[in-house]
Amino acid sequence: MPKIPVFSKKQIAVARRTNMYEYLQARGETFEKVSSKFMQHTLHDSLRANVKTGVVNWYSQGLNSYNNAINFVMTFTKNRMNRSSQSC
């Protein structure tokens, strides 16, 4: 049976290049300024965002959002869900 694509290749390419800094802020994530170019997440000190490019690096996870926003947000969301379930 042939696979039916849900999204076009172009749509996936655009999604991969999402400005993760703006996306995380829109979700309510908070950052603090560490330099003129970088912001650091207030709960994850190894998560830093470049305000000019929107690329986010999560150094402790070995993950960055450059052309990888889909995987980045899936990992970030999974981590947040695991932390909240552990605190219950």
PDB file of N, CA and C in Angstrom:
ATOM      1  N   MET A   1       0.841  -1.174   0.000  1.00  0.00           N
ATOM      2  CA  MET A   1       0.000   0.000   0.000  1.00  0.00           C
ATOM      3  C   MET A   1       0.891   1.244   0.000  1.00  0.00           C
ATOM      4  N   PRO A   2       0.678   2.182  -0.924  1.00  0.00           N
ATOM      5  CA  PRO A   2       1.523   3.384  -0.970  1.00  0.00           C
ATOM      6  C   PRO A   2       1.268   4.310   0.215  1.00  0.00           C
ATOM      7  N   LYS A   3       2.332   4.954   0.625  1.00  0.00           N
ATOM      8  CA  LYS A   3       2.243   5.895   1.750  1.00  0.00           C
ATOM      9  C   LYS A   3       1.656   7.218   1.257  1.00  0.00           C
ATOM     10  N   ILE A   4       0.670   7.720   1.973  1.00  0.00           N
ATOM     11  CA  ILE A   4       0.034   8.980   1.609  1.00  0.00           C
ATOM     12  C   ILE A   4       0.673  10.088   2.439  1.00  0.00           C
ATOM     13  N   PRO A   5       1.336  11.042   1.774  1.00  0.00           N
ATOM     14  CA  PRO A   5       1.981  12.121   2.532  1.00  0.00           C
ATOM     15  C   PRO A   5       0.944  13.050   3.156  1.00  0.00           C
ATOM     16  N   VAL A   6       1.133  13.345   4.428  1.00  0.00           N
ATOM     17  CA  VAL A   6       0.237  14.248   5.127  1.00  0.00           C
ATOM     18  C   VAL A   6       0.651  15.692   4.864  1.00  0.00           C
ATOM     19  N   PHE A   7       1.952  15.934   4.821  1.00  0.00           N
ATOM     20  CA  PHE A   7       2.487  17.255   4.540  1.00  0.00           C
ATOM     21  C   PHE A   7       3.393  17.171   3.323  1.00  0.00           C
ATOM     22  N   SER A   8       3.452  18.251   2.567  1.00  0.00           N
ATOM     23  CA  SER A   8       4.345  18.277   1.415  1.00  0.00           C
ATOM     24  C   SER A   8       5.790  18.448   1.889  1.00  0.00           C
ATOM     25  N   LYS A   9       6.722  18.133   1.025  1.00  0.00           N
ATOM     26  CA  LYS A   9       8.141  18.322   1.372  1.00  0.00           C
ATOM     27  C   LYS A   9       8.439  19.788   1.655  1.00  0.00           C
ATOM     28  N   LYS A  10       7.785  20.687   0.915  1.00  0.00           N
ATOM     29  CA  LYS A  10       7.999  22.114   1.130  1.00  0.00           C
ATOM     30  C   LYS A  10       7.488  22.544   2.510  1.00  0.00           C
ATOM     31  N   GLN A  11       6.321  22.039   2.917  1.00  0.00           N
ATOM     32  CA  GLN A  11       5.780  22.376   4.228  1.00  0.00           C
ATOM     33  C   GLN A  11       6.693  21.872   5.349  1.00  0.00           C
ATOM     34  N   ILE A  12       7.232  20.683   5.189  1.00  0.00           N
ATOM     35  CA  ILE A  12       8.146  20.129   6.191  1.00  0.00           C
ATOM     36  C   ILE A  12       9.428  20.956   6.257  1.00  0.00           C
ATOM     37  N   ALA A  13       9.934  21.364   5.093  1.00  0.00           N
ATOM     38  CA  ALA A  13      11.157  22.178   5.067  1.00  0.00           C
ATOM     39  C   ALA A  13      10.939  23.507   5.783  1.00  0.00           C
ATOM     40  N   VAL A  14       9.789  24.131   5.570  1.00  0.00           N
ATOM     41  CA  VAL A  14       9.482  25.399   6.241  1.00  0.00           C
ATOM     42  C   VAL A  14       9.371  25.178   7.754  1.00  0.00           C
ATOM     43  N   ALA A  15       8.712  24.103   8.156  1.00  0.00           N
ATOM     44  CA  ALA A  15       8.560  23.802   9.587  1.00  0.00           C
ATOM     45  C   ALA A  15       9.908  23.571  10.257  1.00  0.00           C
ATOM     46  N   ARG A  16      10.828  22.937   9.563  1.00  0.00           N
ATOM     47  CA  ARG A  16      12.162  22.677  10.129  1.00  0.00           C
ATOM     48  C   ARG A  16      12.928  23.960  10.390  1.00  0.00           C
ATOM     49  N   ARG A  17      12.602  25.016   9.648  1.00  0.00           N
ATOM     50  CA  ARG A  17      13.320  26.290   9.797  1.00  0.00           C
ATOM     51  C   ARG A  17      12.591  27.280  10.701  1.00  0.00           C
ATOM     52  N   THR A  18      11.633  26.818  11.481  1.00  0.00           N
ATOM     53  CA  THR A  18      10.882  27.696  12.381  1.00  0.00           C
ATOM     54  C   THR A  18      11.820  28.398  13.357  1.00  0.00           C
ATOM     55  N   ASN A  19      11.546  29.655  13.618  1.00  0.00           N
ATOM     56  CA  ASN A  19      12.304  30.424  14.606  1.00  0.00           C
ATOM     57  C   ASN A  19      11.921  29.879  15.986  1.00  0.00           C
ATOM     58  N   MET A  20      12.767  29.032  16.551  1.00  0.00           N
ATOM     59  CA  MET A  20      12.438  28.357  17.808  1.00  0.00           C
ATOM     60  C   MET A  20      12.436  29.304  18.993  1.00  0.00           C
ATOM     61  N   TYR A  21      13.238  30.335  18.951  1.00  0.00           N
ATOM     62  CA  TYR A  21      13.233  31.315  20.041  1.00  0.00           C
ATOM     63  C   TYR A  21      11.858  31.973  20.139  1.00  0.00           C
ATOM     64  N   GLU A  22      11.321  32.432  19.021  1.00  0.00           N
ATOM     65  CA  GLU A  22       9.999  33.055  19.018  1.00  0.00           C
ATOM     66  C   GLU A  22       8.918  32.029  19.377  1.00  0.00           C
ATOM     67  N   TYR A  23       9.060  30.812  18.875  1.00  0.00           N
ATOM     68  CA  TYR A  23       8.077  29.769  19.167  1.00  0.00           C
ATOM     69  C   TYR A  23       8.022  29.468  20.674  1.00  0.00           C
ATOM     70  N   LEU A  24       9.196  29.301  21.280  1.00  0.00           N
ATOM     71  CA  LEU A  24       9.225  28.994  22.714  1.00  0.00           C
ATOM     72  C   LEU A  24       8.671  30.147  23.544  1.00  0.00           C
ATOM     73  N   GLN A  25       8.956  31.372  23.148  1.00  0.00           N
ATOM     74  CA  GLN A  25       8.394  32.525  23.853  1.00  0.00           C
ATOM     75  C   GLN A  25       6.871  32.544  23.717  1.00  0.00           C
ATOM     76  N   ALA A  26       6.361  32.233  22.543  1.00  0.00           N
ATOM     77  CA  ALA A  26       4.909  32.214  22.321  1.00  0.00           C
ATOM     78  C   ALA A  26       4.234  31.147  23.181  1.00  0.00           C
ATOM     79  N   ARG A  27       4.980  30.079  23.503  1.00  0.00           N
ATOM     80  CA  ARG A  27       4.456  29.021  24.375  1.00  0.00           C
ATOM     81  C   ARG A  27       4.549  29.384  25.852  1.00  0.00           C
ATOM     82  N   GLY A  28       5.154  30.537  26.149  1.00  0.00           N
ATOM     83  CA  GLY A  28       5.252  30.975  27.534  1.00  0.00           C
ATOM     84  C   GLY A  28       6.576  30.664  28.208  1.00  0.00           C
ATOM     85  N   GLU A  29       7.543  30.156  27.464  1.00  0.00           N
ATOM     86  CA  GLU A  29       8.868  29.891  28.019  1.00  0.00           C
ATOM     87  C   GLU A  29       9.566  31.221  28.270  1.00  0.00           C
ATOM     88  N   THR A  30      10.328  31.297  29.354  1.00  0.00           N
ATOM     89  CA  THR A  30      10.977  32.552  29.708  1.00  0.00           C
ATOM     90  C   THR A  30      12.489  32.461  29.542  1.00  0.00           C
ATOM     91  N   PHE A  31      13.056  33.578  29.134  1.00  0.00           N
ATOM     92  CA  PHE A  31      14.495  33.685  28.882  1.00  0.00           C
ATOM     93  C   PHE A  31      15.029  34.929  29.562  1.00  0.00           C
ATOM     94  N   GLU A  32      16.329  34.895  29.858  1.00  0.00           N
ATOM     95  CA  GLU A  32      17.000  36.088  30.392  1.00  0.00           C
ATOM     96  C   GLU A  32      18.208  36.385  29.516  1.00  0.00           C
ATOM     97  N   LYS A  33      18.517  37.651  29.402  1.00  0.00           N
ATOM     98  CA  LYS A  33      19.602  38.105  28.535  1.00  0.00           C
ATOM     99  C   LYS A  33      20.958  37.750  29.142  1.00  0.00           C
ATOM    100  N   VAL A  34      21.828  37.141  28.343  1.00  0.00           N
ATOM    101  CA  VAL A  34      23.184  36.840  28.806  1.00  0.00           C
ATOM    102  C   VAL A  34      24.233  37.612  28.012  1.00  0.00           C
ATOM    103  N   SER A  35      23.851  38.112  26.846  1.00  0.00           N
ATOM    104  CA  SER A  35      24.726  38.975  26.046  1.00  0.00           C
ATOM    105  C   SER A  35      23.843  39.709  25.038  1.00  0.00           C
ATOM    106  N   SER A  36      24.461  40.537  24.214  1.00  0.00           N
ATOM    107  CA  SER A  36      23.673  41.286  23.232  1.00  0.00           C
ATOM    108  C   SER A  36      23.038  40.370  22.190  1.00  0.00           C
ATOM    109  N   LYS A  37      23.566  39.177  22.044  1.00  0.00           N
ATOM    110  CA  LYS A  37      23.112  38.261  21.005  1.00  0.00           C
ATOM    111  C   LYS A  37      22.380  37.027  21.551  1.00  0.00           C
ATOM    112  N   PHE A  38      22.593  36.678  22.812  1.00  0.00           N
ATOM    113  CA  PHE A  38      22.055  35.428  23.344  1.00  0.00           C
ATOM    114  C   PHE A  38      21.160  35.609  24.562  1.00  0.00           C
ATOM    115  N   MET A  39      20.154  34.742  24.620  1.00  0.00           N
ATOM    116  CA  MET A  39      19.248  34.654  25.754  1.00  0.00           C
ATOM    117  C   MET A  39      19.360  33.236  26.304  1.00  0.00           C
ATOM    118  N   GLN A  40      19.208  33.102  27.620  1.00  0.00           N
ATOM    119  CA  GLN A  40      19.293  31.801  28.276  1.00  0.00           C
ATOM    120  C   GLN A  40      17.950  31.482  28.912  1.00  0.00           C
ATOM    121  N   HIS A  41      17.512  30.252  28.768  1.00  0.00           N
ATOM    122  CA  HIS A  41      16.245  29.825  29.361  1.00  0.00           C
ATOM    123  C   HIS A  41      16.351  29.917  30.876  1.00  0.00           C
ATOM    124  N   THR A  42      15.286  30.330  31.528  1.00  0.00           N
ATOM    125  CA  THR A  42      15.346  30.529  32.977  1.00  0.00           C
ATOM    126  C   THR A  42      15.348  29.221  33.764  1.00  0.00           C
ATOM    127  N   LEU A  43      14.842  28.139  33.192  1.00  0.00           N
ATOM    128  CA  LEU A  43      14.829  26.851  33.898  1.00  0.00           C
ATOM    129  C   LEU A  43      15.922  25.887  33.431  1.00  0.00           C
ATOM    130  N   HIS A  44      16.393  26.065  32.215  1.00  0.00           N
ATOM    131  CA  HIS A  44      17.430  25.186  31.652  1.00  0.00           C
ATOM    132  C   HIS A  44      18.643  26.049  31.298  1.00  0.00           C
ATOM    133  N   ASP A  45      19.630  26.085  32.163  1.00  0.00           N
ATOM    134  CA  ASP A  45      20.766  26.976  31.920  1.00  0.00           C
ATOM    135  C   ASP A  45      21.618  26.565  30.730  1.00  0.00           C
ATOM    136  N   SER A  46      21.427  25.364  30.198  1.00  0.00           N
ATOM    137  CA  SER A  46      22.195  24.951  29.022  1.00  0.00           C
ATOM    138  C   SER A  46      21.415  25.190  27.733  1.00  0.00           C
ATOM    139  N   LEU A  47      20.252  25.841  27.819  1.00  0.00           N
ATOM    140  CA  LEU A  47      19.446  26.135  26.643  1.00  0.00           C
ATOM    141  C   LEU A  47      19.588  27.620  26.334  1.00  0.00           C
ATOM    142  N   ARG A  48      20.232  27.898  25.203  1.00  0.00           N
ATOM    143  CA  ARG A  48      20.480  29.290  24.820  1.00  0.00           C
ATOM    144  C   ARG A  48      19.946  29.554  23.422  1.00  0.00           C
ATOM    145  N   ALA A  49      19.440  30.772  23.238  1.00  0.00           N
ATOM    146  CA  ALA A  49      18.862  31.171  21.963  1.00  0.00           C
ATOM    147  C   ALA A  49      19.615  32.354  21.376  1.00  0.00           C
ATOM    148  N   ASN A  50      19.846  32.304  20.087  1.00  0.00           N
ATOM    149  CA  ASN A  50      20.418  33.424  19.357  1.00  0.00           C
ATOM    150  C   ASN A  50      19.247  34.303  18.924  1.00  0.00           C
ATOM    151  N   VAL A  51      19.158  35.522  19.449  1.00  0.00           N
ATOM    152  CA  VAL A  51      18.010  36.377  19.175  1.00  0.00           C
ATOM    153  C   VAL A  51      17.969  36.858  17.727  1.00  0.00           C
ATOM    154  N   LYS A  52      19.098  36.897  17.061  1.00  0.00           N
ATOM    155  CA  LYS A  52      19.132  37.369  15.672  1.00  0.00           C
ATOM    156  C   LYS A  52      18.691  36.297  14.690  1.00  0.00           C
ATOM    157  N   THR A  53      19.052  35.049  14.945  1.00  0.00           N
ATOM    158  CA  THR A  53      18.710  33.972  14.008  1.00  0.00           C
ATOM    159  C   THR A  53      17.520  33.140  14.468  1.00  0.00           C
ATOM    160  N   GLY A  54      17.221  33.165  15.766  1.00  0.00           N
ATOM    161  CA  GLY A  54      16.141  32.343  16.294  1.00  0.00           C
ATOM    162  C   GLY A  54      16.536  30.909  16.565  1.00  0.00           C
ATOM    163  N   VAL A  55      17.799  30.584  16.316  1.00  0.00           N
ATOM    164  CA  VAL A  55      18.288  29.223  16.549  1.00  0.00           C
ATOM    165  C   VAL A  55      18.510  29.018  18.042  1.00  0.00           C
ATOM    166  N   VAL A  56      18.043  27.883  18.546  1.00  0.00           N
ATOM    167  CA  VAL A  56      18.182  27.546  19.956  1.00  0.00           C
ATOM    168  C   VAL A  56      19.091  26.327  20.079  1.00  0.00           C
ATOM    169  N   ASN A  57      20.055  26.406  20.968  1.00  0.00           N
ATOM    170  CA  ASN A  57      20.945  25.286  21.271  1.00  0.00           C
ATOM    171  C   ASN A  57      20.654  24.802  22.680  1.00  0.00           C
ATOM    172  N   TRP A  58      20.482  23.502  22.814  1.00  0.00           N
ATOM    173  CA  TRP A  58      20.286  22.899  24.134  1.00  0.00           C
ATOM    174  C   TRP A  58      21.499  22.019  24.369  1.00  0.00           C
ATOM    175  N   TYR A  59      22.509  22.600  24.949  1.00  0.00           N
ATOM    176  CA  TYR A  59      23.813  21.967  25.047  1.00  0.00           C
ATOM    177  C   TYR A  59      23.792  20.669  25.851  1.00  0.00           C
ATOM    178  N   SER A  60      23.034  20.597  26.929  1.00  0.00           N
ATOM    179  CA  SER A  60      23.014  19.377  27.745  1.00  0.00           C
ATOM    180  C   SER A  60      22.372  18.202  27.009  1.00  0.00           C
ATOM    181  N   GLN A  61      21.560  18.489  26.003  1.00  0.00           N
ATOM    182  CA  GLN A  61      20.895  17.448  25.230  1.00  0.00           C
ATOM    183  C   GLN A  61      21.595  17.195  23.890  1.00  0.00           C
ATOM    184  N   GLY A  62      22.609  18.008  23.582  1.00  0.00           N
ATOM    185  CA  GLY A  62      23.304  17.877  22.309  1.00  0.00           C
ATOM    186  C   GLY A  62      22.380  18.157  21.134  1.00  0.00           C
ATOM    187  N   LEU A  63      21.543  19.161  21.266  1.00  0.00           N
ATOM    188  CA  LEU A  63      20.488  19.415  20.292  1.00  0.00           C
ATOM    189  C   LEU A  63      20.461  20.886  19.906  1.00  0.00           C
ATOM    190  N   ASN A  64      20.261  21.154  18.616  1.00  0.00           N
ATOM    191  CA  ASN A  64      20.030  22.531  18.199  1.00  0.00           C
ATOM    192  C   ASN A  64      18.900  22.563  17.189  1.00  0.00           C
ATOM    193  N   SER A  65      18.324  23.742  17.018  1.00  0.00           N
ATOM    194  CA  SER A  65      17.134  23.851  16.178  1.00  0.00           C
ATOM    195  C   SER A  65      17.429  24.274  14.748  1.00  0.00           C
ATOM    196  N   TYR A  66      18.694  24.449  14.385  1.00  0.00           N
ATOM    197  CA  TYR A  66      19.020  24.867  13.021  1.00  0.00           C
ATOM    198  C   TYR A  66      18.590  23.789  12.032  1.00  0.00           C
ATOM    199  N   ASN A  67      17.618  24.098  11.197  1.00  0.00           N
ATOM    200  CA  ASN A  67      17.048  23.175  10.214  1.00  0.00           C
ATOM    201  C   ASN A  67      16.598  21.869  10.864  1.00  0.00           C
ATOM    202  N   ASN A  68      16.208  21.951  12.127  1.00  0.00           N
ATOM    203  CA  ASN A  68      15.867  20.776  12.930  1.00  0.00           C
ATOM    204  C   ASN A  68      14.769  21.106  13.942  1.00  0.00           C
ATOM    205  N   ALA A  69      13.940  22.099  13.637  1.00  0.00           N
ATOM    206  CA  ALA A  69      12.961  22.589  14.615  1.00  0.00           C
ATOM    207  C   ALA A  69      11.950  21.519  15.014  1.00  0.00           C
ATOM    208  N   ILE A  70      11.580  20.641  14.106  1.00  0.00           N
ATOM    209  CA  ILE A  70      10.591  19.612  14.423  1.00  0.00           C
ATOM    210  C   ILE A  70      11.127  18.684  15.512  1.00  0.00           C
ATOM    211  N   ASN A  71      12.320  18.161  15.315  1.00  0.00           N
ATOM    212  CA  ASN A  71      12.921  17.268  16.321  1.00  0.00           C
ATOM    213  C   ASN A  71      13.194  18.013  17.622  1.00  0.00           C
ATOM    214  N   PHE A  72      13.619  19.259  17.505  1.00  0.00           N
ATOM    215  CA  PHE A  72      13.910  20.045  18.698  1.00  0.00           C
ATOM    216  C   PHE A  72      12.675  20.183  19.574  1.00  0.00           C
ATOM    217  N   VAL A  73      11.556  20.597  18.983  1.00  0.00           N
ATOM    218  CA  VAL A  73      10.351  20.825  19.787  1.00  0.00           C
ATOM    219  C   VAL A  73       9.791  19.517  20.326  1.00  0.00           C
ATOM    220  N   MET A  74       9.928  18.427  19.584  1.00  0.00           N
ATOM    221  CA  MET A  74       9.465  17.132  20.091  1.00  0.00           C
ATOM    222  C   MET A  74      10.277  16.723  21.320  1.00  0.00           C
ATOM    223  N   THR A  75      11.581  16.900  21.281  1.00  0.00           N
ATOM    224  CA  THR A  75      12.445  16.559  22.409  1.00  0.00           C
ATOM    225  C   THR A  75      12.172  17.488  23.593  1.00  0.00           C
ATOM    226  N   PHE A  76      12.053  18.779  23.326  1.00  0.00           N
ATOM    227  CA  PHE A  76      11.806  19.752  24.391  1.00  0.00           C
ATOM    228  C   PHE A  76      10.476  19.466  25.090  1.00  0.00           C
ATOM    229  N   THR A  77       9.442  19.220  24.314  1.00  0.00           N
ATOM    230  CA  THR A  77       8.111  18.948  24.876  1.00  0.00           C
ATOM    231  C   THR A  77       8.110  17.652  25.677  1.00  0.00           C
ATOM    232  N   LYS A  78       8.759  16.625  25.154  1.00  0.00           N
ATOM    233  CA  LYS A  78       8.834  15.344  25.864  1.00  0.00           C
ATOM    234  C   LYS A  78       9.553  15.521  27.197  1.00  0.00           C
ATOM    235  N   ASN A  79      10.645  16.282  27.196  1.00  0.00           N
ATOM    236  CA  ASN A  79      11.395  16.529  28.423  1.00  0.00           C
ATOM    237  C   ASN A  79      10.547  17.263  29.438  1.00  0.00           C
ATOM    238  N   ARG A  80       9.790  18.269  29.005  1.00  0.00           N
ATOM    239  CA  ARG A  80       8.935  19.041  29.911  1.00  0.00           C
ATOM    240  C   ARG A  80       7.834  18.149  30.496  1.00  0.00           C
ATOM    241  N   MET A  81       7.271  17.264  29.671  1.00  0.00           N
ATOM    242  CA  MET A  81       6.211  16.375  30.151  1.00  0.00           C
ATOM    243  C   MET A  81       6.768  15.370  31.166  1.00  0.00           C
ATOM    244  N   ASN A  82       7.961  14.851  30.913  1.00  0.00           N
ATOM    245  CA  ASN A  82       8.584  13.909  31.855  1.00  0.00           C
ATOM    246  C   ASN A  82       8.865  14.589  33.193  1.00  0.00           C
ATOM    247  N   ARG A  83       9.328  15.826  33.168  1.00  0.00           N
ATOM    248  CA  ARG A  83       9.633  16.553  34.409  1.00  0.00           C
ATOM    249  C   ARG A  83       8.361  16.818  35.206  1.00  0.00           C
ATOM    250  N   SER A  84       7.281  17.183  34.515  1.00  0.00           N
ATOM    251  CA  SER A  84       6.042  17.488  35.249  1.00  0.00           C
ATOM    252  C   SER A  84       5.414  16.228  35.824  1.00  0.00           C
ATOM    253  N   SER A  85       5.550  15.096  35.153  1.00  0.00           N
ATOM    254  CA  SER A  85       4.978  13.858  35.695  1.00  0.00           C
ATOM    255  C   SER A  85       5.809  13.337  36.878  1.00  0.00           C
ATOM    256  N   GLN A  86       7.101  13.641  36.903  1.00  0.00           N
ATOM    257  CA  GLN A  86       7.948  13.222  38.019  1.00  0.00           C
ATOM    258  C   GLN A  86       7.675  14.036  39.270  1.00  0.00           C
ATOM    259  N   SER A  87       7.197  15.267  39.106  1.00  0.00           N
ATOM    260  CA  SER A  87       6.966  16.123  40.274  1.00  0.00           C
ATOM    261  C   SER A  87       5.605  15.848  40.933  1.00  0.00           C
ATOM    262  N   CYS A  88       4.779  15.023  40.302  1.00  0.00           N
ATOM    263  CA  CYS A  88       3.453  14.706  40.889  1.00  0.00           C
ATOM    264  C   CYS A  88       3.541  13.642  41.941  1.00  0.00           C
TER     265      CYS A  88
END
